Amino acid sequence: MLGTCSTIEKFQRQIDSALETEAPIKGEPKTKRFKLLTSLNNHWEGLTRFVKNPLILMDNNPAEQVLRMPVVGRRSFYGSGSIWSAKLAVVMMGWIKILQLGELNPHTWLSTYLQACAENDSAVPEDILISCLGLWIKNGWNIFRSLLCVE
């Protein structure tokens, strides 16, 4: 890590040096190289923050992956363009993420849950929620229920 920091500092010195030699003479237009170096210098702290803090990822790929399903499906899911479909999509995507965070298989859990609903005359089996996922999921269901305006 020490070598990496000294390399980063070396790059910073090179940018500073290049900025001095590329600085336009008063009244002359700024070159593309000068604009690039200025931007790089202005954003240097944010661009190199991950070097000093290993908890900061180099890229935002995990965040992009979380958004992938809603973005891809927004126009192709069944019923896209309707209010009920948008509400259902929010609920289902939320459930899937909650189940994944709880390290549960969403397909298996939802299949079991829907089967329990069918066997319970289409009523929400509250005991399944509590026993399978714990009280925190029940609270999540109450939030989703309020989004759907379901009593």
N, C-alpha and C. Protein backbone atom coordinates (compact mmCIF):
# COMPACT_ATOMS: atom_id res chain seq x y z
N MET A 1 0.81 -1.19 0.00
CA MET A 1 0.00 0.00 0.00
C MET A 1 0.86 1.26 0.00
N LEU A 2 2.00 1.19 0.68
CA LEU A 2 2.90 2.34 0.73
C LEU A 2 3.38 2.70 -0.66
N GLY A 3 3.75 1.70 -1.46
CA GLY A 3 4.20 1.95 -2.83
C GLY A 3 3.11 2.57 -3.67
N THR A 4 1.86 2.15 -3.45
CA THR A 4 0.74 2.70 -4.20
C THR A 4 0.55 4.16 -3.89
N CYS A 5 0.63 4.52 -2.61
CA CYS A 5 0.45 5.93 -2.21
C CYS A 5 1.56 6.80 -2.81
N SER A 6 2.80 6.30 -2.79
CA SER A 6 3.88 7.10 -3.36
C SER A 6 3.71 7.23 -4.88
N THR A 7 3.17 6.21 -5.52
CA THR A 7 2.90 6.28 -6.96
C THR A 7 1.82 7.31 -7.24
N ILE A 8 0.78 7.32 -6.43
CA ILE A 8 -0.30 8.29 -6.58
C ILE A 8 0.25 9.71 -6.38
N GLU A 9 1.09 9.90 -5.37
CA GLU A 9 1.69 11.21 -5.13
C GLU A 9 2.58 11.62 -6.30
N LYS A 10 3.27 10.66 -6.89
CA LYS A 10 4.12 10.95 -8.06
C LYS A 10 3.25 11.43 -9.22
N PHE A 11 2.13 10.76 -9.45
CA PHE A 11 1.20 11.19 -10.51
C PHE A 11 0.68 12.60 -10.25
N GLN A 12 0.38 12.89 -8.98
CA GLN A 12 -0.12 14.22 -8.63
C GLN A 12 0.93 15.29 -8.95
N ARG A 13 2.19 15.00 -8.64
CA ARG A 13 3.26 15.95 -8.96
C ARG A 13 3.40 16.13 -10.48
N GLN A 14 3.25 15.05 -11.23
CA GLN A 14 3.33 15.14 -12.69
C GLN A 14 2.19 15.99 -13.25
N ILE A 15 1.02 15.86 -12.68
CA ILE A 15 -0.13 16.67 -13.11
C ILE A 15 0.14 18.14 -12.80
N ASP A 16 0.63 18.41 -11.60
CA ASP A 16 0.94 19.80 -11.22
C ASP A 16 1.98 20.41 -12.16
N SER A 17 2.99 19.62 -12.49
CA SER A 17 4.05 20.09 -13.40
C SER A 17 3.49 20.36 -14.79
N ALA A 18 2.67 19.42 -15.29
CA ALA A 18 2.08 19.58 -16.62
C ALA A 18 1.15 20.79 -16.66
N LEU A 19 0.43 21.04 -15.57
CA LEU A 19 -0.46 22.21 -15.52
C LEU A 19 0.34 23.51 -15.65
N GLU A 20 1.51 23.55 -15.04
CA GLU A 20 2.34 24.75 -15.12
C GLU A 20 2.83 24.99 -16.55
N THR A 21 3.23 23.91 -17.24
CA THR A 21 3.74 24.08 -18.61
C THR A 21 2.60 24.28 -19.62
N GLU A 22 1.42 23.79 -19.33
CA GLU A 22 0.29 23.91 -20.26
C GLU A 22 -0.55 25.15 -20.03
N ALA A 23 -0.30 25.86 -18.94
CA ALA A 23 -1.11 27.04 -18.63
C ALA A 23 -1.06 28.03 -19.79
N PRO A 24 -2.22 28.46 -20.25
CA PRO A 24 -2.23 29.38 -21.40
C PRO A 24 -1.74 30.77 -21.01
N ILE A 25 -1.16 31.43 -22.00
CA ILE A 25 -0.74 32.82 -21.81
C ILE A 25 -2.02 33.66 -21.79
N LYS A 26 -2.00 34.70 -21.01
CA LYS A 26 -3.20 35.53 -20.84
C LYS A 26 -3.76 35.93 -22.19
N GLY A 27 -5.05 35.70 -22.36
CA GLY A 27 -5.73 36.06 -23.60
C GLY A 27 -5.81 34.91 -24.60
N GLU A 28 -4.99 33.87 -24.46
CA GLU A 28 -5.04 32.72 -25.37
C GLU A 28 -6.08 31.71 -24.89
N PRO A 29 -6.67 30.97 -25.82
CA PRO A 29 -7.66 29.96 -25.41
C PRO A 29 -6.99 28.79 -24.68
N LYS A 30 -7.74 28.16 -23.81
CA LYS A 30 -7.23 27.01 -23.07
C LYS A 30 -7.25 25.79 -24.01
N THR A 31 -6.18 25.02 -23.95
CA THR A 31 -6.11 23.81 -24.78
C THR A 31 -6.94 22.70 -24.14
N LYS A 32 -7.28 21.70 -24.95
CA LYS A 32 -8.02 20.54 -24.43
C LYS A 32 -7.21 19.83 -23.36
N ARG A 33 -5.90 19.76 -23.56
CA ARG A 33 -5.03 19.10 -22.58
C ARG A 33 -5.05 19.85 -21.26
N PHE A 34 -5.02 21.17 -21.31
CA PHE A 34 -5.07 21.96 -20.09
C PHE A 34 -6.40 21.78 -19.37
N LYS A 35 -7.50 21.77 -20.14
CA LYS A 35 -8.82 21.55 -19.53
C LYS A 35 -8.90 20.18 -18.86
N LEU A 36 -8.34 19.17 -19.53
CA LEU A 36 -8.33 17.81 -18.98
C LEU A 36 -7.51 17.75 -17.69
N LEU A 37 -6.32 18.33 -17.72
CA LEU A 37 -5.46 18.33 -16.54
C LEU A 37 -6.09 19.11 -15.38
N THR A 38 -6.76 20.21 -15.70
CA THR A 38 -7.43 21.00 -14.66
C THR A 38 -8.55 20.19 -14.02
N SER A 39 -9.33 19.52 -14.83
CA SER A 39 -10.41 18.69 -14.30
C SER A 39 -9.86 17.55 -13.45
N LEU A 40 -8.81 16.90 -13.94
CA LEU A 40 -8.18 15.82 -13.20
C LEU A 40 -7.66 16.32 -11.86
N ASN A 41 -7.03 17.47 -11.87
CA ASN A 41 -6.50 18.07 -10.63
C ASN A 41 -7.63 18.43 -9.66
N ASN A 42 -8.72 18.99 -10.19
CA ASN A 42 -9.85 19.38 -9.34
C ASN A 42 -10.54 18.18 -8.68
N HIS A 43 -10.55 17.05 -9.37
CA HIS A 43 -11.27 15.87 -8.87
C HIS A 43 -10.32 14.80 -8.32
N TRP A 44 -9.06 15.12 -8.16
CA TRP A 44 -8.05 14.14 -7.77
C TRP A 44 -8.38 13.42 -6.46
N GLU A 45 -8.82 14.16 -5.47
CA GLU A 45 -9.13 13.56 -4.16
C GLU A 45 -10.20 12.47 -4.29
N GLY A 46 -11.26 12.76 -5.01
CA GLY A 46 -12.33 11.77 -5.19
C GLY A 46 -11.90 10.60 -6.06
N LEU A 47 -11.07 10.87 -7.05
CA LEU A 47 -10.62 9.81 -7.95
C LEU A 47 -9.66 8.83 -7.28
N THR A 48 -8.97 9.26 -6.24
CA THR A 48 -7.97 8.41 -5.59
C THR A 48 -8.36 8.01 -4.17
N ARG A 49 -9.54 8.34 -3.76
CA ARG A 49 -9.98 8.04 -2.39
C ARG A 49 -9.93 6.55 -2.07
N PHE A 50 -10.25 5.69 -3.03
CA PHE A 50 -10.26 4.24 -2.81
C PHE A 50 -8.87 3.69 -2.48
N VAL A 51 -7.80 4.42 -2.84
CA VAL A 51 -6.44 3.95 -2.55
C VAL A 51 -6.17 3.97 -1.05
N LYS A 52 -6.66 5.01 -0.38
CA LYS A 52 -6.42 5.16 1.07
C LYS A 52 -7.44 4.39 1.91
N ASN A 53 -8.61 4.14 1.35
CA ASN A 53 -9.66 3.45 2.10
C ASN A 53 -10.12 2.22 1.31
N PRO A 54 -9.70 1.02 1.72
CA PRO A 54 -10.05 -0.19 0.97
C PRO A 54 -11.54 -0.53 1.01
N LEU A 55 -12.32 0.12 1.87
CA LEU A 55 -13.76 -0.13 1.90
C LEU A 55 -14.48 0.55 0.74
N ILE A 56 -13.82 1.50 0.11
CA ILE A 56 -14.41 2.19 -1.04
C ILE A 56 -14.04 1.42 -2.30
N LEU A 57 -15.06 1.03 -3.05
CA LEU A 57 -14.82 0.27 -4.27
C LEU A 57 -14.28 1.17 -5.38
N MET A 58 -13.47 0.56 -6.28
CA MET A 58 -12.91 1.33 -7.39
C MET A 58 -13.99 1.73 -8.39
N ASP A 59 -15.01 0.93 -8.52
CA ASP A 59 -16.07 1.24 -9.48
C ASP A 59 -17.42 1.09 -8.79
N ASN A 60 -18.47 1.42 -9.52
CA ASN A 60 -19.80 1.34 -8.95
C ASN A 60 -20.58 0.16 -9.52
N ASN A 61 -19.91 -0.88 -9.95
CA ASN A 61 -20.57 -2.02 -10.56
C ASN A 61 -21.63 -2.67 -9.67
N PRO A 62 -21.37 -2.88 -8.36
CA PRO A 62 -22.44 -3.46 -7.54
C PRO A 62 -23.72 -2.62 -7.54
N ALA A 63 -23.58 -1.31 -7.49
CA ALA A 63 -24.76 -0.44 -7.52
C ALA A 63 -25.48 -0.55 -8.86
N GLU A 64 -24.72 -0.62 -9.94
CA GLU A 64 -25.33 -0.76 -11.26
C GLU A 64 -26.05 -2.10 -11.39
N GLN A 65 -25.51 -3.16 -10.81
CA GLN A 65 -26.14 -4.47 -10.89
C GLN A 65 -27.47 -4.49 -10.13
N VAL A 66 -27.56 -3.76 -9.02
CA VAL A 66 -28.81 -3.69 -8.26
C VAL A 66 -29.90 -3.04 -9.11
N LEU A 67 -29.53 -2.05 -9.91
CA LEU A 67 -30.50 -1.33 -10.73
C LEU A 67 -30.85 -2.03 -12.04
N ARG A 68 -30.09 -3.06 -12.39
CA ARG A 68 -30.25 -3.69 -13.70
C ARG A 68 -31.66 -4.25 -13.93
N MET A 69 -32.18 -5.05 -13.00
CA MET A 69 -33.48 -5.68 -13.22
C MET A 69 -34.60 -4.65 -13.43
N PRO A 70 -34.73 -3.63 -12.57
CA PRO A 70 -35.79 -2.65 -12.81
C PRO A 70 -35.63 -1.89 -14.12
N VAL A 71 -34.41 -1.56 -14.48
CA VAL A 71 -34.19 -0.79 -15.71
C VAL A 71 -34.51 -1.62 -16.94
N VAL A 72 -34.05 -2.86 -16.97
CA VAL A 72 -34.30 -3.73 -18.13
C VAL A 72 -35.78 -4.06 -18.23
N GLY A 73 -36.42 -4.29 -17.10
CA GLY A 73 -37.81 -4.74 -17.12
C GLY A 73 -38.85 -3.66 -17.20
N ARG A 74 -38.47 -2.40 -17.03
CA ARG A 74 -39.49 -1.36 -16.92
C ARG A 74 -40.40 -1.26 -18.14
N ARG A 75 -39.91 -1.66 -19.30
CA ARG A 75 -40.75 -1.59 -20.50
C ARG A 75 -41.19 -2.95 -21.01
N SER A 76 -40.63 -4.01 -20.44
CA SER A 76 -40.97 -5.33 -20.99
C SER A 76 -41.72 -6.24 -20.03
N PHE A 77 -41.84 -5.87 -18.75
CA PHE A 77 -42.59 -6.70 -17.82
C PHE A 77 -44.07 -6.66 -18.19
N TYR A 78 -44.78 -7.73 -17.85
CA TYR A 78 -46.20 -7.80 -18.12
C TYR A 78 -46.91 -6.63 -17.45
N GLY A 79 -47.72 -5.92 -18.21
CA GLY A 79 -48.47 -4.81 -17.65
C GLY A 79 -47.69 -3.53 -17.52
N SER A 80 -46.50 -3.47 -18.12
CA SER A 80 -45.71 -2.24 -17.99
C SER A 80 -46.50 -1.06 -18.53
N GLY A 81 -46.38 0.02 -17.85
CA GLY A 81 -47.13 1.21 -18.24
C GLY A 81 -48.37 1.45 -17.39
N SER A 82 -48.75 0.47 -16.57
CA SER A 82 -49.94 0.65 -15.72
C SER A 82 -49.50 0.86 -14.27
N ILE A 83 -50.36 1.53 -13.52
CA ILE A 83 -50.06 1.83 -12.12
C ILE A 83 -49.97 0.55 -11.30
N TRP A 84 -50.92 -0.37 -11.49
CA TRP A 84 -50.91 -1.60 -10.69
C TRP A 84 -49.63 -2.40 -10.94
N SER A 85 -49.18 -2.40 -12.19
CA SER A 85 -47.97 -3.14 -12.52
C SER A 85 -46.73 -2.51 -11.87
N ALA A 86 -46.69 -1.20 -11.87
CA ALA A 86 -45.55 -0.51 -11.24
C ALA A 86 -45.50 -0.81 -9.75
N LYS A 87 -46.67 -0.79 -9.10
CA LYS A 87 -46.72 -1.09 -7.66
C LYS A 87 -46.31 -2.54 -7.39
N LEU A 88 -46.81 -3.46 -8.22
CA LEU A 88 -46.45 -4.87 -8.05
C LEU A 88 -44.95 -5.08 -8.27
N ALA A 89 -44.39 -4.41 -9.27
CA ALA A 89 -42.95 -4.54 -9.55
C ALA A 89 -42.12 -4.05 -8.36
N VAL A 90 -42.53 -2.93 -7.75
CA VAL A 90 -41.83 -2.41 -6.58
C VAL A 90 -41.86 -3.42 -5.45
N VAL A 91 -43.03 -3.99 -5.21
CA VAL A 91 -43.17 -4.96 -4.13
C VAL A 91 -42.32 -6.19 -4.40
N MET A 92 -42.41 -6.74 -5.60
CA MET A 92 -41.68 -7.98 -5.90
C MET A 92 -40.17 -7.76 -5.89
N MET A 93 -39.70 -6.66 -6.44
CA MET A 93 -38.27 -6.40 -6.43
C MET A 93 -37.77 -6.17 -5.01
N GLY A 94 -38.59 -5.51 -4.20
CA GLY A 94 -38.23 -5.32 -2.80
C GLY A 94 -38.15 -6.65 -2.06
N TRP A 95 -39.14 -7.51 -2.29
CA TRP A 95 -39.13 -8.83 -1.64
C TRP A 95 -37.90 -9.63 -2.05
N ILE A 96 -37.62 -9.62 -3.33
CA ILE A 96 -36.47 -10.40 -3.81
C ILE A 96 -35.18 -9.91 -3.15
N LYS A 97 -35.00 -8.60 -3.06
CA LYS A 97 -33.79 -8.07 -2.43
C LYS A 97 -33.74 -8.40 -0.95
N ILE A 98 -34.89 -8.29 -0.26
CA ILE A 98 -34.91 -8.62 1.17
C ILE A 98 -34.57 -10.10 1.37
N LEU A 99 -35.12 -10.96 0.55
CA LEU A 99 -34.83 -12.39 0.66
C LEU A 99 -33.36 -12.67 0.39
N GLN A 100 -32.81 -12.01 -0.63
CA GLN A 100 -31.39 -12.21 -0.94
C GLN A 100 -30.51 -11.71 0.19
N LEU A 101 -30.87 -10.58 0.80
CA LEU A 101 -30.10 -10.08 1.93
C LEU A 101 -30.16 -11.05 3.11
N GLY A 102 -31.29 -11.74 3.25
CA GLY A 102 -31.43 -12.73 4.31
C GLY A 102 -30.85 -14.08 3.91
N GLU A 103 -30.15 -14.12 2.76
CA GLU A 103 -29.51 -15.33 2.24
C GLU A 103 -30.51 -16.46 2.05
N LEU A 104 -31.71 -16.10 1.58
CA LEU A 104 -32.73 -17.08 1.25
C LEU A 104 -32.93 -17.10 -0.25
N ASN A 105 -33.30 -18.23 -0.78
CA ASN A 105 -33.57 -18.37 -2.21
C ASN A 105 -34.95 -17.77 -2.50
N PRO A 106 -35.04 -16.68 -3.25
CA PRO A 106 -36.34 -16.04 -3.50
C PRO A 106 -37.34 -16.98 -4.19
N HIS A 107 -36.90 -17.77 -5.14
CA HIS A 107 -37.81 -18.67 -5.86
C HIS A 107 -38.41 -19.69 -4.91
N THR A 108 -37.59 -20.31 -4.10
CA THR A 108 -38.06 -21.31 -3.15
C THR A 108 -38.99 -20.69 -2.13
N TRP A 109 -38.58 -19.55 -1.56
CA TRP A 109 -39.39 -18.93 -0.52
C TRP A 109 -40.72 -18.46 -1.07
N LEU A 110 -40.71 -17.79 -2.24
CA LEU A 110 -41.96 -17.29 -2.80
C LEU A 110 -42.89 -18.44 -3.20
N SER A 111 -42.33 -19.53 -3.72
CA SER A 111 -43.16 -20.69 -4.06
C SER A 111 -43.83 -21.25 -2.81
N THR A 112 -43.06 -21.40 -1.74
CA THR A 112 -43.61 -21.90 -0.47
C THR A 112 -44.66 -20.94 0.08
N TYR A 113 -44.35 -19.65 0.01
CA TYR A 113 -45.28 -18.64 0.52
C TYR A 113 -46.59 -18.65 -0.27
N LEU A 114 -46.51 -18.67 -1.59
CA LEU A 114 -47.72 -18.66 -2.41
C LEU A 114 -48.53 -19.94 -2.22
N GLN A 115 -47.85 -21.07 -2.05
CA GLN A 115 -48.55 -22.32 -1.77
C GLN A 115 -49.30 -22.23 -0.44
N ALA A 116 -48.66 -21.63 0.56
CA ALA A 116 -49.31 -21.45 1.87
C ALA A 116 -50.51 -20.52 1.75
N CYS A 117 -50.41 -19.49 0.93
CA CYS A 117 -51.54 -18.59 0.70
C CYS A 117 -52.70 -19.35 0.07
N ALA A 118 -52.39 -20.17 -0.94
CA ALA A 118 -53.43 -20.94 -1.61
C ALA A 118 -54.13 -21.90 -0.65
N GLU A 119 -53.37 -22.51 0.23
CA GLU A 119 -53.93 -23.45 1.21
C GLU A 119 -54.66 -22.74 2.33
N ASN A 120 -54.50 -21.43 2.45
CA ASN A 120 -55.11 -20.64 3.51
C ASN A 120 -56.23 -19.76 2.95
N ASP A 121 -56.93 -20.24 1.92
CA ASP A 121 -58.02 -19.50 1.27
C ASP A 121 -57.60 -18.10 0.84
N SER A 122 -56.42 -17.99 0.26
CA SER A 122 -55.86 -16.74 -0.28
C SER A 122 -55.58 -15.68 0.79
N ALA A 123 -55.58 -16.09 2.04
CA ALA A 123 -55.24 -15.14 3.12
C ALA A 123 -53.73 -15.16 3.35
N VAL A 124 -53.22 -14.03 3.80
CA VAL A 124 -51.79 -13.93 4.09
C VAL A 124 -51.49 -14.77 5.33
N PRO A 125 -50.64 -15.78 5.21
CA PRO A 125 -50.30 -16.61 6.36
C PRO A 125 -49.26 -15.93 7.24
N GLU A 126 -49.71 -15.16 8.19
CA GLU A 126 -48.82 -14.39 9.06
C GLU A 126 -47.79 -15.28 9.76
N ASP A 127 -48.19 -16.50 10.15
CA ASP A 127 -47.26 -17.38 10.84
C ASP A 127 -46.09 -17.78 9.96
N ILE A 128 -46.31 -17.87 8.65
CA ILE A 128 -45.23 -18.19 7.72
C ILE A 128 -44.22 -17.04 7.71
N LEU A 129 -44.73 -15.81 7.66
CA LEU A 129 -43.83 -14.65 7.65
C LEU A 129 -42.94 -14.65 8.89
N ILE A 130 -43.55 -14.87 10.03
CA ILE A 130 -42.80 -14.79 11.29
C ILE A 130 -41.82 -15.95 11.40
N SER A 131 -42.27 -17.17 11.11
CA SER A 131 -41.39 -18.32 11.30
C SER A 131 -40.29 -18.40 10.25
N CYS A 132 -40.56 -18.01 9.02
CA CYS A 132 -39.55 -18.16 7.96
C CYS A 132 -38.54 -17.03 7.94
N LEU A 133 -39.00 -15.83 8.15
CA LEU A 133 -38.10 -14.68 7.96
C LEU A 133 -37.92 -13.82 9.19
N GLY A 134 -38.72 -14.03 10.19
CA GLY A 134 -38.59 -13.24 11.39
C GLY A 134 -39.44 -11.99 11.33
N LEU A 135 -39.48 -11.29 12.42
CA LEU A 135 -40.35 -10.13 12.55
C LEU A 135 -39.99 -9.00 11.60
N TRP A 136 -38.72 -8.86 11.25
CA TRP A 136 -38.31 -7.76 10.36
C TRP A 136 -38.94 -7.88 8.99
N ILE A 137 -39.18 -9.10 8.51
CA ILE A 137 -39.85 -9.25 7.21
C ILE A 137 -41.31 -8.85 7.33
N LYS A 138 -41.93 -9.18 8.46
CA LYS A 138 -43.33 -8.80 8.64
C LYS A 138 -43.46 -7.29 8.57
N ASN A 139 -42.51 -6.57 9.17
CA ASN A 139 -42.53 -5.11 9.08
C ASN A 139 -42.36 -4.67 7.64
N GLY A 140 -41.49 -5.36 6.89
CA GLY A 140 -41.31 -5.04 5.46
C GLY A 140 -42.61 -5.26 4.69
N TRP A 141 -43.33 -6.35 5.03
CA TRP A 141 -44.59 -6.63 4.35
C TRP A 141 -45.60 -5.52 4.62
N ASN A 142 -45.62 -4.99 5.84
CA ASN A 142 -46.55 -3.90 6.16
C ASN A 142 -46.25 -2.67 5.31
N ILE A 143 -44.98 -2.41 5.07
CA ILE A 143 -44.61 -1.28 4.21
C ILE A 143 -45.10 -1.53 2.78
N PHE A 144 -44.85 -2.74 2.26
CA PHE A 144 -45.29 -3.05 0.90
C PHE A 144 -46.81 -3.05 0.79
N ARG A 145 -47.47 -3.53 1.82
CA ARG A 145 -48.94 -3.57 1.83
C ARG A 145 -49.48 -2.14 1.73
N SER A 146 -48.83 -1.20 2.44
CA SER A 146 -49.28 0.18 2.39
C SER A 146 -49.02 0.79 1.01
N LEU A 147 -47.94 0.37 0.34
CA LEU A 147 -47.69 0.85 -1.03
C LEU A 147 -48.77 0.37 -1.98
N LEU A 148 -49.25 -0.86 -1.76
CA LEU A 148 -50.29 -1.42 -2.63
C LEU A 148 -51.69 -0.99 -2.22
N CYS A 149 -51.80 -0.32 -1.08
CA CYS A 149 -53.09 0.06 -0.52
C CYS A 149 -53.96 -1.17 -0.28
N VAL A 150 -53.35 -2.24 0.23
CA VAL A 150 -54.06 -3.47 0.52
C VAL A 150 -54.33 -3.51 2.03
N GLU A 151 -55.52 -3.84 2.40
CA GLU A 151 -55.86 -3.96 3.83
C GLU A 151 -55.77 -5.38 4.27
